Amino acid sequence: MEQTLVLIKPDAIANKHIGDIIKHYEEAGFKIAAMKLMQMTEKIASIHYAEHIGKSFYDELVKFMTDDPIVAMVLEGENAIAKVREINGATNPANAADGTIRKLYAENGSRNAVHASDSAESAAREIAIFFSKVEMVG
């Protein structure tokens, strides 16, 4: 079974879509192996978004992700990384397929409701940023 990190971003939380978003993953058959509501700190953001440090959008991204709470979770299932990214839809909701999380709940390409790991390597790195082994179920 494959695991992936999902972050429900502050825009989706402010618009009261936590339950709606989780329901999409559960209905697709994913097991929630870990989940918590948390405040992302600038330190966590700098680790999570390390590849973006120095880019023009980095400061705005960190401010957005640290100003309000997020929900971090680990989803587990067969081909979880690819399937979750498909369920999420394209980064820009204008390009996302109908019925995807971003088409339904994202505001724009920056405030796009959710993050999901893009590879097995990213998933392993990202899960370790947000969860310790004792916080994982299963």
Protein backbone atom coordinates (compact mmCIF):
# COMPACT_ATOMS: atom_id res chain seq x y z
CA MET A 1 0.00 0.00 0.00
CA GLU A 2 1.25 3.43 -0.94
CA GLN A 3 1.02 6.53 1.27
CA THR A 4 0.78 10.19 0.34
CA LEU A 5 0.62 13.44 2.24
CA VAL A 6 -2.38 15.69 1.75
CA LEU A 7 -2.69 19.20 3.14
CA ILE A 8 -6.09 20.86 3.22
CA LYS A 9 -5.10 24.47 2.80
CA PRO A 10 -6.33 27.54 4.71
CA ASP A 11 -8.68 28.67 1.93
CA ALA A 12 -10.62 25.39 2.02
CA ILE A 13 -10.75 25.47 5.81
CA ALA A 14 -12.00 29.08 5.85
CA ASN A 15 -14.74 28.06 3.41
CA LYS A 16 -15.72 25.09 5.62
CA HIS A 17 -14.81 22.34 3.15
CA ILE A 18 -12.77 20.01 5.41
CA GLY A 19 -15.49 17.36 5.59
CA ASP A 20 -16.37 17.68 1.91
CA ILE A 21 -12.75 17.14 0.90
CA ILE A 22 -12.16 14.21 3.24
CA LYS A 23 -15.34 12.58 1.91
CA HIS A 24 -13.88 12.55 -1.63
CA TYR A 25 -10.86 10.58 -0.41
CA GLU A 26 -12.89 8.20 1.73
CA GLU A 27 -15.35 7.51 -1.07
CA ALA A 28 -12.38 6.69 -3.32
CA GLY A 29 -11.40 3.98 -0.82
CA PHE A 30 -8.44 5.61 0.89
CA LYS A 31 -7.61 4.88 4.51
CA ILE A 32 -6.64 7.83 6.70
CA ALA A 33 -3.40 6.73 8.37
CA ALA A 34 -2.83 10.05 10.19
CA MET A 35 -4.60 13.39 10.47
CA LYS A 36 -4.34 16.60 12.46
CA LEU A 37 -5.47 20.19 12.46
CA MET A 38 -2.41 22.37 12.93
CA GLN A 39 -0.85 25.75 12.44
CA MET A 40 2.01 25.56 9.95
CA THR A 41 4.99 27.54 11.20
CA GLU A 42 7.45 29.44 9.02
CA LYS A 43 10.06 26.80 9.90
CA ILE A 44 7.84 23.93 8.75
CA ALA A 45 6.93 25.90 5.61
CA SER A 46 10.62 26.48 4.82
CA ILE A 47 11.28 22.74 5.06
CA HIS A 48 8.16 21.69 3.16
CA TYR A 49 8.61 24.29 0.41
CA ALA A 50 12.44 24.20 0.33
CA GLU A 51 12.53 23.85 -3.46
CA HIS A 52 10.66 27.16 -3.79
CA ILE A 53 12.93 29.29 -1.58
CA GLY A 54 14.07 32.31 -3.58
CA LYS A 55 11.24 32.13 -6.12
CA SER A 56 9.03 35.19 -6.63
CA PHE A 57 5.95 33.55 -5.07
CA TYR A 58 7.68 32.00 -2.03
CA ASP A 59 6.97 34.73 0.56
CA GLU A 60 3.31 34.96 -0.43
CA LEU A 61 2.99 31.16 -0.31
CA VAL A 62 4.50 30.97 3.19
CA LYS A 63 2.27 33.79 4.44
CA PHE A 64 -0.82 32.07 3.03
CA MET A 65 0.07 28.68 4.51
CA THR A 66 1.05 30.05 7.95
CA ASP A 67 -1.67 32.66 8.54
CA ASP A 68 -4.47 30.16 9.24
CA PRO A 69 -4.72 26.47 10.20
CA ILE A 70 -4.31 23.55 7.83
CA VAL A 71 -5.31 19.90 8.05
CA ALA A 72 -2.43 17.53 7.41
CA MET A 73 -3.18 13.89 6.68
CA VAL A 74 -1.63 10.75 5.34
CA LEU A 75 -3.78 8.75 2.97
CA GLU A 76 -3.04 5.12 2.24
CA GLY A 77 -4.17 2.94 -0.62
CA GLU A 78 -3.21 1.33 -3.89
CA ASN A 79 -1.50 3.86 -6.21
CA ALA A 80 -2.37 6.56 -3.65
CA ILE A 81 -0.06 9.23 -5.06
CA ALA A 82 -1.41 9.19 -8.61
CA LYS A 83 -5.02 8.59 -7.60
CA VAL A 84 -5.08 11.39 -5.02
CA ARG A 85 -3.56 13.81 -7.52
CA GLU A 86 -6.27 12.80 -10.00
CA ILE A 87 -9.00 13.35 -7.38
CA ASN A 88 -7.48 16.76 -6.56
CA GLY A 89 -7.44 17.91 -10.18
CA ALA A 90 -5.21 20.41 -11.95
CA THR A 91 -3.44 23.04 -9.82
CA ASN A 92 -5.47 25.80 -11.44
CA PRO A 93 -9.17 25.08 -10.87
CA ALA A 94 -9.99 26.64 -14.25
CA ASN A 95 -8.14 23.69 -15.83
CA ALA A 96 -9.39 21.03 -13.39
CA ALA A 97 -11.82 18.34 -14.46
CA ASP A 98 -15.41 18.52 -13.28
CA GLY A 99 -15.95 16.81 -9.94
CA THR A 100 -12.35 17.19 -8.77
CA ILE A 101 -11.60 18.81 -5.42
CA ARG A 102 -9.97 21.86 -6.97
CA LYS A 103 -12.79 22.38 -9.49
CA LEU A 104 -15.30 22.24 -6.63
CA TYR A 105 -13.47 24.06 -3.81
CA ALA A 106 -10.40 26.00 -5.02
CA GLU A 107 -10.44 29.77 -5.38
CA ASN A 108 -7.61 30.06 -7.94
CA GLY A 109 -4.21 28.59 -8.87
CA SER A 110 -2.60 29.79 -5.63
CA ARG A 111 -5.49 29.24 -3.24
CA ASN A 112 -6.21 25.80 -4.57
CA ALA A 113 -7.67 23.98 -1.56
CA VAL A 114 -5.25 21.03 -1.30
CA HIS A 115 -1.69 19.85 -1.67
CA ALA A 116 -0.67 16.26 -2.39
CA SER A 117 2.73 14.63 -2.78
CA ASP A 118 3.86 14.24 -6.39
CA SER A 119 6.12 11.18 -6.05
CA ALA A 120 7.06 8.38 -3.66
CA GLU A 121 10.19 10.30 -2.69
CA SER A 122 8.23 13.49 -2.01
CA ALA A 123 5.62 11.56 -0.03
CA ALA A 124 8.24 9.99 2.25
CA ARG A 125 9.96 13.35 2.80
CA GLU A 126 6.70 15.29 3.34
CA ILE A 127 5.07 12.74 5.65
CA ALA A 128 8.15 12.87 7.89
CA ILE A 129 7.84 16.68 8.12
CA PHE A 130 4.31 16.54 9.47
CA PHE A 131 4.03 13.21 11.34
CA SER A 132 6.13 11.07 13.64
CA LYS A 133 5.89 7.28 13.52
CA VAL A 134 3.73 7.21 16.69
CA GLU A 135 1.15 9.47 15.03
CA MET A 136 0.64 6.96 12.22
CA VAL A 137 -2.04 4.27 12.39
CA GLY A 138 -1.72 0.92 10.67
